[in-house]
Every structure is written in structure tokens, then in C-alpha cells.
Amino acid sequence: MLRRLALFGLCVPLAVHATAPATESWLVKTDMWGNIAYQTLVLDVEGDALSGTFDGDTLVGTRHGNVLDFTVTDTDKATYHLKARVDGKALTGIADDPDTNHPGRRVSHVFTGYRLPDRPSGAARVYTFTPKDYANEFSASRAPVLTVWPGDGIRTQTIDSGGVDEKGNTVALFGNPQVGPFYVMSAEPGDTLAVHIKRLRLNRDYADSLDSIVGPALGQSLAGKAQELGKPVRWKLDLVRGLATPATASPALANYSVPVQPMLGGMAVAPGFGTPAMSTGDTGRFGGNMDFNQVVEGNTVYLPVYQPGALLYFGDAHALQGDGETSQYALETSMDVEVSVDVIKGKAVQMPRVESPTRIMVLGQAGSVDEATRAATTGLIKWLAQDYGLTLSEAAQVLGSSVHYTVANLAGRSVGVAASLDKVLLSQLVKPAQP
């Protein structure tokens, strides 16, 4: 009963008469001793009879006018009795739940809810969204900015890590502000969200960075001299030729230019129930400030879903970043973004995955390179087992002959290591038959 959701402000009125739709989807917010749990309520209405699911568990009950009365039975045969009143757009009620610490006792929780919109008719759509503000936390409690359905696309803009937009205006607090969250209909805990990066385009002619070298990349022999580093560096972006050059170059760098590769430093879903909101500077199994330079146009990012609707965030636009983000900041800028989303039902990944046309990659994020390497390797082995049916012995043989490791990020509070395999080699594997 503890798959959770958050969505407020995306409501449509509930019809309580004969023309009501046969199936209604609601978002329920339950106050559990001051801790907010988010859950999905799906009601199938036939006359006065109710059936459906609450938080994925089966329910039966009745509706009389604007009063709902139903009982939920979970997989352990525990029962939850909920009574609610519909008042226009709002749903309010009391849940009578088992006391998990005292068999035979019951506890009561207040809940509220809002009805979700029905999917528009016709084919998948591409929605244009203009941000009005930005998030500095990956949170389940922030109101979604847009509701989309699997197959839909989103066109929007991101800003740089300092909160500066394409016009050079400060529009958000520094610290990797993100656009979102986007609520993806049908996404539930235990699913996987697939984010296809369709288009990343720089929309201003400069980026900012530092002349720094992060501690994990610097030997002791240079530590003293490195105290002089940390000065800002402005880069000119040639949007026509796709090149970045230092704006005020020393003689040695007077002819230095590098091809840009726009990427998103941040992409995440909301953490699950019991996990506090996370800073947009942090990472976890939900994604976060990954700063992995393969989160680029043409690739797909897979994230585990912990909240109904997934609640997708992204931002922290980079014009270019070397492996590890060793200068503390990449070439921080703003950009136009287009992504599309899909939901892989009933398939859970344990940590972020990235797929390119030629490689599969798993990003391990932890407090040390050793721990991040273990996480990335374990995640890649699980991918081989899940999609290719390999045993641990078979996976060991594939990794031992073919795995590649990349230090994705050394600049954050956690570090990232990516483990990857070439899809040409994987094409030789005999996949298990699909049920």
C-alpha cells in the first residue's frame, strides 16, 4: 500500500451523475502523522457499485451521490476502509487502516484527492512548455507543471547552473535549478521511465566555467599551486559552427577551440516515500545531478519510478563537458530541449541507465570511485540478466572481455562511474524468448 504520488493543480471536475466516465483516475494525498504519502486511486463505476485499485491493490465499494465508501485489500490480505466525499474538484475523506505495530488495532488518516485528466483523443502530442519558475529540489511535493502521456513529447527551455536564462537574466536560485516536474500518466512505482532526448540546442552565445581542478583528480604535488585556481572562465559559443573558445584566451590557447556537445547535467524523478526531497546538486538511484556527458541528443535515459507519475525533472545545461567534470563547472549555459517519454510497465531498474545507438551504459553513483564502480558493474550485470537472460557466469565472461569504464563525474558530493558495452557485441547474444 505504499506506492506514492504527487500531483496538484491538474484537476478536472468530477461528474457524479449518469454521464460520468466508466473509469476515473484520482491522485490521493494521505497525511500519515505529518508524513505525506501519494497514491493512485482508479475507480470503475457501474451504477452505485465501485471497483478498481488503490495504490495498486484491489478495491470494492459503493457510491451514493457524492459519497464514496470502499474497502481495499492488499497482497497480505490486510484491509483498508476509506470513506470520502466529492465536492466539485476535491475529494476529502478518512482512511481506516491497520496499525502495523499492533495487530488488531486500527489507525485513522485524513486524505485529500484530485481527479486526473483523461487522455486527449488522437495520436501522441508534443507539448510546448514555457517555465515560469524552477526547482532546486527533486521532490514529490512540488506541483507538476504539465501532465503528459506515454509517447508524448515536451519542448521547453533550461537555464544554466547559476540560474541564468538565454537572455542573461537571473531567473532562479543557483545550484542546478531544474525545469519540472512533469507528471507522466500511467507511471507507477515499480515501472521504468524512458526519456528519449530528441533535441538539445544551445540558445545563447556564451558559457561559464572555472579554471579549477577538482580534488579527486589532483595529485598532492600540484595541490599548492592549485590554490591559485578557481577563477571564472567565459567561453564564446559559435552557434553556427558549433565551436567553443575561451573568450579571453592566453597566448597558448589563442587558437584553441573545441566542438560543442550539448548535454543535460541533471535529470531525475522524485524520490520515493520515506526519502526526503533531494537537492538538485545531489544524486541517487532516482538520477539527479549526474553530470554524465552521454545524456545527449539521440540517447535514452532510463530511470526507476518511485512516485506515481514519475515526476520528471531536468536541467543544468552544458555546452560541453569532459569526463569527470574536472573543472568543477562544465561549460554552463542554457538551451532549448525536446524529449519524449515512455513508461515500461512492471519493469524496475535499480539505477540510471543510458542507451545510445551503439552502447548500453549504467551509471553508478556513490561516495567513492570504488563504490560507484561496484554500483555500475552490478547494474550492468543486472541489465544483461534482465534483457539478455545471462547468468552471472555468462555476464562475467562478457564484462571481462568487453566492458568499458568512464569516470562520469568527480565534481559533486558523490562521484559517478559509467560501465558500458558495445551493442554490436551484444547482438551476438541469444536473447531468451519473450512470453
Protein backbone atom coordinates (compact mmCIF):
# COMPACT_ATOMS: atom_id res chain seq x y z
CA MET A 1 0.00 0.00 0.00
CA LEU A 2 2.97 2.37 -0.08
CA ARG A 3 3.36 3.27 -3.74
CA ARG A 4 3.04 7.06 -3.66
CA LEU A 5 2.22 10.07 -5.83
CA ALA A 6 2.07 13.84 -6.02
CA LEU A 7 0.00 15.97 -8.35
CA PHE A 8 -1.99 19.04 -7.51
CA GLY A 9 -3.41 21.76 -9.72
CA LEU A 10 -4.10 19.38 -12.64
CA CYS A 11 -7.71 18.72 -11.79
CA VAL A 12 -10.93 18.41 -13.72
CA PRO A 13 -14.38 18.44 -12.16
CA LEU A 14 -15.83 15.12 -11.07
CA ALA A 15 -19.16 14.24 -12.59
CA VAL A 16 -21.34 12.36 -10.12
CA HIS A 17 -24.29 11.69 -12.39
CA ALA A 18 -25.11 9.16 -15.08
CA THR A 19 -22.77 10.69 -17.66
CA ALA A 20 -19.68 10.05 -15.50
CA PRO A 21 -16.93 8.14 -17.29
CA ALA A 22 -16.75 4.43 -16.56
CA THR A 23 -13.22 4.79 -15.23
CA GLU A 24 -11.91 7.67 -13.08
CA SER A 25 -8.30 8.21 -12.07
CA TRP A 26 -7.54 10.19 -8.92
CA LEU A 27 -4.50 11.35 -7.03
CA VAL A 28 -4.70 10.94 -3.28
CA LYS A 29 -2.57 12.70 -0.68
CA THR A 30 -2.62 10.98 2.75
CA ASP A 31 -1.30 12.59 5.92
CA MET A 32 0.44 9.85 7.91
CA TRP A 33 1.43 11.52 11.20
CA GLY A 34 2.73 14.53 9.30
CA ASN A 35 4.38 12.46 6.56
CA ILE A 36 2.74 12.81 3.17
CA ALA A 37 2.08 9.69 1.10
CA TYR A 38 0.93 9.99 -2.52
CA GLN A 39 -1.25 7.26 -4.02
CA THR A 40 -3.26 6.48 -7.14
CA LEU A 41 -6.98 5.74 -6.96
CA VAL A 42 -8.61 4.18 -10.04
CA LEU A 43 -12.39 3.76 -9.83
CA ASP A 44 -14.51 1.68 -12.18
CA VAL A 45 -18.08 2.87 -11.77
CA GLU A 46 -21.12 0.78 -12.67
CA GLY A 47 -24.30 2.25 -11.22
CA ASP A 48 -23.72 2.54 -7.47
CA ALA A 49 -21.03 -0.18 -7.47
CA LEU A 50 -17.34 0.66 -7.30
CA SER A 51 -14.36 -1.50 -8.22
CA GLY A 52 -10.79 -0.72 -9.17
CA THR A 53 -7.49 -0.20 -7.40
CA PHE A 54 -5.97 1.99 -4.72
CA ASP A 55 -2.20 2.16 -4.69
CA GLY A 56 -2.26 -0.92 -6.92
CA ASP A 57 -4.39 -3.02 -4.56
CA THR A 58 -7.93 -4.22 -5.32
CA LEU A 59 -10.93 -2.30 -4.01
CA VAL A 60 -14.69 -2.82 -3.90
CA GLY A 61 -17.34 -0.44 -2.62
CA THR A 62 -20.27 1.81 -3.37
CA ARG A 63 -21.03 5.34 -4.44
CA HIS A 64 -24.17 7.10 -3.26
CA GLY A 65 -24.41 10.60 -4.68
CA ASN A 66 -21.19 12.33 -3.75
CA VAL A 67 -20.17 9.80 -1.07
CA LEU A 68 -17.63 7.08 -1.82
CA ASP A 69 -17.27 4.10 0.52
CA PHE A 70 -14.84 1.32 -0.36
CA THR A 71 -12.54 -1.33 1.08
CA VAL A 72 -9.05 -2.11 -0.19
CA THR A 73 -7.37 -5.50 0.27
CA ASP A 74 -3.60 -5.72 -0.17
CA THR A 75 -1.48 -8.71 -1.13
CA ASP A 76 -1.11 -9.69 2.54
CA LYS A 77 -4.93 -9.74 2.92
CA ALA A 78 -4.89 -6.64 5.16
CA THR A 79 -7.92 -4.40 4.66
CA TYR A 80 -8.18 -0.61 4.46
CA HIS A 81 -11.55 1.11 4.68
CA LEU A 82 -11.85 4.53 3.02
CA LYS A 83 -14.81 6.89 3.03
CA ALA A 84 -14.70 10.12 1.03
CA ARG A 85 -16.91 12.99 -0.08
CA VAL A 86 -16.69 14.58 -3.50
CA ASP A 87 -17.08 18.35 -3.55
CA GLY A 88 -16.63 19.78 -7.01
CA LYS A 89 -12.98 19.20 -7.91
CA ALA A 90 -11.95 17.98 -4.48
CA LEU A 91 -12.03 14.63 -2.72
CA THR A 92 -11.70 14.52 1.07
CA GLY A 93 -12.00 11.61 3.43
CA ILE A 94 -10.80 9.39 6.23
CA ALA A 95 -8.84 6.16 5.83
CA ASP A 96 -9.25 3.45 8.49
CA ASP A 97 -6.02 1.42 8.24
CA PRO A 98 -4.38 -1.46 10.10
CA ASP A 99 -1.86 -0.48 12.78
CA THR A 100 1.25 -2.25 11.51
CA ASN A 101 2.78 -2.24 15.00
CA HIS A 102 -0.23 -3.68 16.84
CA PRO A 103 -2.21 -6.49 15.18
CA GLY A 104 -5.91 -6.00 15.68
CA ARG A 105 -5.69 -2.24 16.18
CA ARG A 106 -6.70 0.39 13.62
CA VAL A 107 -5.48 3.92 12.88
CA SER A 108 -7.13 6.79 11.01
CA HIS A 109 -5.56 9.11 8.44
CA VAL A 110 -7.01 12.14 6.67
CA PHE A 111 -6.65 12.24 2.89
CA THR A 112 -7.50 14.56 0.03
CA GLY A 113 -7.54 13.97 -3.71
CA TYR A 114 -7.87 15.44 -7.17
CA ARG A 115 -9.08 13.81 -10.33
CA LEU A 116 -6.62 13.33 -13.17
CA PRO A 117 -7.48 14.42 -16.70
CA ASP A 118 -8.43 11.93 -19.38
CA ARG A 119 -6.02 11.42 -22.24
CA PRO A 120 -6.83 13.65 -25.22
CA SER A 121 -8.12 11.77 -28.23
CA GLY A 122 -5.89 11.17 -31.21
CA ALA A 123 -2.20 10.44 -31.58
CA ALA A 124 0.57 11.30 -29.17
CA ARG A 125 1.25 15.01 -28.89
CA VAL A 126 4.25 17.30 -28.47
CA TYR A 127 3.58 19.86 -25.73
CA THR A 128 5.37 23.22 -25.58
CA PHE A 129 6.01 24.34 -22.02
CA THR A 130 7.45 27.73 -21.03
CA PRO A 131 8.83 27.60 -17.45
CA LYS A 132 7.64 30.25 -15.02
CA ASP A 133 9.90 29.06 -12.20
CA TYR A 134 12.44 26.36 -11.45
CA ALA A 135 13.06 23.72 -8.79
CA ASN A 136 16.10 23.45 -6.54
CA GLU A 137 14.94 20.14 -5.11
CA PHE A 138 13.93 16.81 -6.56
CA SER A 139 10.69 16.49 -4.64
CA ALA A 140 7.36 14.66 -4.72
CA SER A 141 5.57 17.61 -3.14
CA ARG A 142 6.23 20.20 -5.86
CA ALA A 143 3.15 20.68 -8.06
CA PRO A 144 3.68 19.22 -11.54
CA VAL A 145 4.00 21.82 -14.26
CA LEU A 146 2.50 19.67 -17.02
CA THR A 147 0.77 16.31 -17.44
CA VAL A 148 1.81 14.13 -20.39
CA TRP A 149 1.11 10.60 -21.54
CA PRO A 150 3.45 7.83 -22.77
CA GLY A 151 4.57 8.64 -26.29
CA ASP A 152 4.14 12.39 -25.82
CA GLY A 153 6.91 14.92 -26.31
CA ILE A 154 7.89 18.01 -24.33
CA ARG A 155 9.52 21.13 -25.79
CA THR A 156 10.90 23.57 -23.24
CA GLN A 157 13.97 25.55 -22.15
CA THR A 158 16.54 25.00 -19.43
CA ILE A 159 18.83 27.50 -17.75
CA ASP A 160 22.39 27.27 -16.50
CA SER A 161 23.55 26.03 -13.09
CA GLY A 162 23.68 29.59 -11.77
CA GLY A 163 20.04 30.31 -12.63
CA VAL A 164 20.74 32.44 -15.73
CA ASP A 165 18.50 32.15 -18.79
CA GLU A 166 19.14 32.59 -22.52
CA LYS A 167 18.80 36.38 -22.23
CA GLY A 168 21.41 36.63 -19.49
CA ASN A 169 18.84 37.27 -16.76
CA THR A 170 18.96 35.60 -13.35
CA VAL A 171 15.60 33.84 -13.04
CA ALA A 172 16.29 31.17 -10.40
CA LEU A 173 18.48 30.37 -7.42
CA PHE A 174 21.93 28.97 -8.22
CA GLY A 175 22.59 25.27 -7.64
CA ASN A 176 21.43 23.49 -10.83
CA PRO A 177 17.80 24.68 -10.96
CA GLN A 178 15.60 22.23 -12.87
CA VAL A 179 12.50 22.51 -15.03
CA GLY A 180 9.59 20.34 -13.91
CA PRO A 181 8.31 18.12 -12.58
CA PHE A 182 6.39 16.62 -15.48
CA TYR A 183 3.71 14.12 -14.48
CA VAL A 184 3.70 11.08 -16.77
CA MET A 185 0.34 9.34 -16.72
CA SER A 186 0.32 5.57 -16.01
CA ALA A 187 3.80 5.64 -14.44
CA GLU A 188 3.74 3.86 -11.08
CA PRO A 189 6.37 2.65 -8.60
CA GLY A 190 7.95 -0.50 -10.00
CA ASP A 191 7.89 0.83 -13.57
CA THR A 192 10.71 2.38 -15.57
CA LEU A 193 10.54 5.81 -17.18
CA ALA A 194 12.27 6.07 -20.57
CA VAL A 195 13.27 9.63 -21.53
CA HIS A 196 14.24 9.93 -25.20
CA ILE A 197 16.36 13.03 -25.80
CA LYS A 198 15.14 14.28 -29.16
CA ARG A 199 16.79 17.67 -29.46
CA LEU A 200 19.27 19.83 -27.50
CA ARG A 201 20.10 23.24 -28.96
CA LEU A 202 22.21 25.99 -27.40
CA ASN A 203 20.25 29.24 -27.26
CA ARG A 204 22.88 31.78 -26.19
CA ASP A 205 26.40 32.59 -27.38
CA TYR A 206 28.37 32.11 -24.16
CA ALA A 207 29.01 29.65 -21.36
CA ASP A 208 30.69 29.99 -17.97
CA SER A 209 33.18 27.70 -16.26
CA LEU A 210 36.23 27.76 -13.94
CA ASP A 211 39.95 27.20 -14.32
CA SER A 212 39.70 24.74 -11.43
CA ILE A 213 40.74 21.09 -10.98
CA VAL A 214 38.64 19.06 -8.53
CA GLY A 215 40.39 17.41 -5.59
CA PRO A 216 39.79 13.77 -6.63
CA ALA A 217 41.64 14.46 -9.91
CA LEU A 218 44.62 16.35 -8.45
CA GLY A 219 47.84 14.91 -7.05
CA GLN A 220 49.48 16.29 -3.91
CA SER A 221 52.43 17.64 -5.89
CA LEU A 222 50.13 20.20 -7.51
CA ALA A 223 47.92 20.95 -4.54
CA GLY A 224 49.83 24.07 -3.55
CA LYS A 225 49.74 25.64 -7.00
CA ALA A 226 46.07 24.72 -7.34
CA GLN A 227 45.23 27.20 -4.57
CA GLU A 228 45.57 29.87 -7.25
CA LEU A 229 42.83 28.27 -9.34
CA GLY A 230 39.05 28.69 -9.21
CA LYS A 231 38.77 31.83 -11.34
CA PRO A 232 35.78 32.21 -13.69
CA VAL A 233 36.31 31.50 -17.37
CA ARG A 234 33.92 32.82 -20.02
CA TRP A 235 33.61 30.76 -23.22
CA LYS A 236 32.32 32.05 -26.55
CA LEU A 237 29.89 29.71 -28.28
CA ASP A 238 29.77 29.82 -32.06
CA LEU A 239 26.22 28.59 -32.63
CA VAL A 240 26.70 28.32 -36.39
CA ARG A 241 29.94 26.35 -36.45
CA GLY A 242 29.31 24.54 -33.17
CA LEU A 243 32.57 25.56 -31.50
CA ALA A 244 33.55 26.82 -28.04
CA THR A 245 36.60 29.04 -27.47
CA PRO A 246 37.91 30.85 -24.37
CA ALA A 247 36.65 34.44 -24.57
CA THR A 248 39.87 35.89 -23.14
CA ALA A 249 42.49 33.38 -24.18
CA SER A 250 46.12 33.34 -23.11
CA PRO A 251 48.68 33.17 -25.95
CA ALA A 252 48.96 29.40 -25.56
CA LEU A 253 45.18 29.00 -26.01
CA ALA A 254 44.74 31.68 -28.67
CA ASN A 255 43.91 29.07 -31.34
CA TYR A 256 42.17 26.61 -29.04
CA SER A 257 38.59 25.64 -29.89
CA VAL A 258 36.51 22.54 -29.18
CA PRO A 259 33.33 21.18 -30.79
CA VAL A 260 30.34 21.58 -28.51
CA GLN A 261 28.28 18.59 -27.40
CA PRO A 262 25.16 19.89 -25.63
CA MET A 263 24.12 17.73 -22.67
CA LEU A 264 21.86 17.80 -19.64
CA GLY A 265 23.77 17.68 -16.37
CA GLY A 266 20.60 17.00 -14.37
CA MET A 267 17.79 14.50 -14.92
CA ALA A 268 15.79 12.78 -12.22
CA VAL A 269 12.46 11.55 -10.97
CA ALA A 270 11.10 12.28 -7.50
CA PRO A 271 12.45 10.07 -4.68
CA GLY A 272 10.08 7.61 -3.04
CA PHE A 273 8.06 7.72 0.18
CA GLY A 274 10.26 7.97 3.26
CA THR A 275 13.05 9.69 1.33
CA PRO A 276 13.28 13.46 1.83
CA ALA A 277 13.44 15.86 -1.06
CA MET A 278 16.97 15.92 -2.50
CA SER A 279 18.99 18.96 -3.53
CA THR A 280 19.42 19.43 -7.26
CA GLY A 281 23.16 19.21 -6.55
CA ASP A 282 22.82 15.61 -5.32
CA THR A 283 22.41 12.22 -6.95
CA GLY A 284 20.81 8.90 -6.12
CA ARG A 285 19.19 5.88 -7.69
CA PHE A 286 16.49 8.27 -8.93
CA GLY A 287 19.07 10.13 -11.08
CA GLY A 288 19.90 13.70 -10.08
CA ASN A 289 22.90 15.91 -10.81
CA MET A 290 24.53 13.08 -12.77
CA ASP A 291 26.77 15.28 -14.97
CA PHE A 292 27.26 12.33 -17.35
CA ASN A 293 28.29 13.58 -20.77
CA GLN A 294 26.31 10.87 -22.55
CA VAL A 295 22.97 12.44 -21.59
CA VAL A 296 22.88 13.93 -25.08
CA GLU A 297 20.65 14.21 -28.11
CA GLY A 298 19.83 10.83 -29.62
CA ASN A 299 20.25 8.86 -26.40
CA THR A 300 17.66 7.46 -23.99
CA VAL A 301 17.83 7.69 -20.20
CA TYR A 302 16.04 5.05 -18.12
CA LEU A 303 15.06 5.95 -14.55
CA PRO A 304 13.31 3.89 -11.87
CA VAL A 305 9.86 5.18 -10.91
CA TYR A 306 9.30 5.79 -7.19
CA GLN A 307 6.20 8.02 -7.28
CA PRO A 308 3.03 7.76 -9.36
CA GLY A 309 3.52 9.94 -12.41
CA ALA A 310 7.32 9.56 -12.00
CA LEU A 311 7.63 13.38 -11.66
CA LEU A 312 10.40 14.05 -14.15
CA TYR A 313 12.87 16.92 -13.69
CA PHE A 314 15.77 18.00 -15.93
CA GLY A 315 18.14 20.93 -16.35
CA ASP A 316 21.73 22.09 -15.76
CA ALA A 317 22.52 22.65 -19.42
CA HIS A 318 26.13 22.15 -20.54
CA ALA A 319 27.56 23.13 -23.91
CA LEU A 320 30.38 20.66 -23.32
CA GLN A 321 31.90 18.64 -20.51
CA GLY A 322 34.97 16.44 -20.38
CA ASP A 323 34.81 13.14 -18.48
CA GLY A 324 34.62 13.74 -14.75
CA GLU A 325 33.69 17.45 -14.93
CA THR A 326 37.20 18.07 -13.56
CA SER A 327 36.94 21.88 -13.65
CA GLN A 328 34.07 21.76 -11.09
CA TYR A 329 31.81 23.50 -13.61
CA ALA A 330 31.33 22.31 -17.16
CA LEU A 331 30.62 24.89 -19.88
CA GLU A 332 27.45 26.03 -18.15
CA THR A 333 24.82 27.58 -20.41
CA SER A 334 21.14 27.46 -21.40
CA MET A 335 19.41 25.53 -24.15
CA ASP A 336 16.21 24.52 -25.89
CA VAL A 337 15.20 20.95 -25.09
CA GLU A 338 12.86 18.41 -26.63
CA VAL A 339 12.29 15.00 -25.06
CA SER A 340 9.66 12.31 -25.33
CA VAL A 341 8.64 9.85 -22.64
CA ASP A 342 7.59 6.22 -22.43
CA VAL A 343 6.66 4.01 -19.49
CA ILE A 344 7.91 0.42 -19.30
CA LYS A 345 5.29 -1.21 -17.13
CA GLY A 346 6.28 -3.73 -14.48
CA LYS A 347 10.00 -3.45 -15.20
CA ALA A 348 12.13 -1.89 -12.49
CA VAL A 349 15.71 -0.72 -12.93
CA GLN A 350 17.85 -0.16 -9.85
CA MET A 351 19.79 2.89 -11.05
CA PRO A 352 20.05 5.18 -14.07
CA ARG A 353 20.70 3.57 -17.43
CA VAL A 354 21.63 5.30 -20.68
CA GLU A 355 21.32 3.81 -24.14
CA SER A 356 22.88 5.23 -27.28
CA PRO A 357 22.57 3.89 -30.82
CA THR A 358 25.81 1.95 -30.24
CA ARG A 359 26.17 1.31 -26.48
CA ILE A 360 24.33 0.44 -23.27
CA MET A 361 25.56 2.24 -20.15
CA VAL A 362 24.82 2.07 -16.43
CA LEU A 363 25.74 4.97 -14.16
CA GLY A 364 26.85 4.09 -10.64
CA GLN A 365 26.81 7.00 -8.16
CA ALA A 366 28.32 6.76 -4.69
CA GLY A 367 30.68 8.36 -2.21
CA SER A 368 33.86 6.97 -3.79
CA VAL A 369 35.09 5.77 -7.17
CA ASP A 370 35.34 2.22 -5.79
CA GLU A 371 31.72 2.20 -4.63
CA ALA A 372 30.49 3.85 -7.83
CA THR A 373 32.37 1.26 -9.91
CA ARG A 374 30.74 -1.57 -7.95
CA ALA A 375 27.31 0.00 -8.44
CA ALA A 376 27.85 0.49 -12.19
CA THR A 377 29.14 -3.04 -12.67
CA THR A 378 26.31 -4.56 -10.67
CA GLY A 379 23.77 -2.53 -12.63
CA LEU A 380 25.23 -3.64 -15.96
CA ILE A 381 25.19 -7.31 -14.87
CA LYS A 382 21.51 -6.91 -13.91
CA TRP A 383 20.78 -5.39 -17.33
CA LEU A 384 22.41 -8.40 -19.00
CA ALA A 385 20.35 -10.74 -16.84
CA GLN A 386 17.09 -8.81 -17.29
CA ASP A 387 17.18 -8.19 -21.04
CA TYR A 388 19.57 -10.86 -22.32
CA GLY A 389 18.95 -13.71 -19.86
CA LEU A 390 22.64 -14.11 -18.97
CA THR A 391 23.74 -15.97 -15.87
CA LEU A 392 26.30 -14.39 -13.57
CA SER A 393 28.98 -16.61 -15.12
CA GLU A 394 28.00 -15.60 -18.65
CA ALA A 395 27.86 -11.92 -17.70
CA ALA A 396 31.33 -12.20 -16.14
CA GLN A 397 32.70 -13.51 -19.43
CA VAL A 398 31.12 -10.67 -21.41
CA LEU A 399 32.33 -7.99 -18.99
CA GLY A 400 35.79 -9.46 -18.68
CA SER A 401 36.29 -9.27 -22.43
CA SER A 402 34.37 -6.14 -23.38
CA VAL A 403 33.35 -3.73 -20.61
CA HIS A 404 34.39 -0.07 -20.73
CA TYR A 405 34.51 2.25 -17.72
CA THR A 406 34.19 6.03 -17.77
CA VAL A 407 34.60 8.38 -14.83
CA ALA A 408 31.43 10.38 -15.35
CA ASN A 409 31.63 12.90 -12.52
CA LEU A 410 34.17 13.83 -9.85
CA ALA A 411 32.81 17.27 -9.01
CA GLY A 412 29.77 16.55 -6.87
CA ARG A 413 29.14 15.35 -3.34
CA SER A 414 29.04 11.89 -4.89
CA VAL A 415 31.08 10.60 -7.82
CA GLY A 416 29.85 8.77 -10.89
CA VAL A 417 31.29 5.87 -12.86
CA ALA A 418 29.67 4.51 -16.02
CA ALA A 419 30.06 0.90 -17.18
CA SER A 420 29.21 0.27 -20.82
CA LEU A 421 29.10 -2.41 -23.51
CA ASP A 422 29.10 -2.23 -27.29
CA LYS A 423 25.74 -3.21 -28.81
CA VAL A 424 27.45 -4.83 -31.80
CA LEU A 425 28.95 -7.38 -29.42
CA LEU A 426 25.65 -7.80 -27.59
CA SER A 427 23.91 -8.53 -30.90
CA GLN A 428 25.71 -11.88 -30.88
CA LEU A 429 23.91 -12.97 -27.73
CA VAL A 430 20.91 -15.27 -27.96
CA LYS A 431 18.11 -13.47 -26.13
CA PRO A 432 15.54 -15.50 -24.21
CA ALA A 433 12.15 -15.97 -25.84
CA GLN A 434 9.62 -13.31 -24.81
CA PRO A 435 6.46 -14.56 -23.10
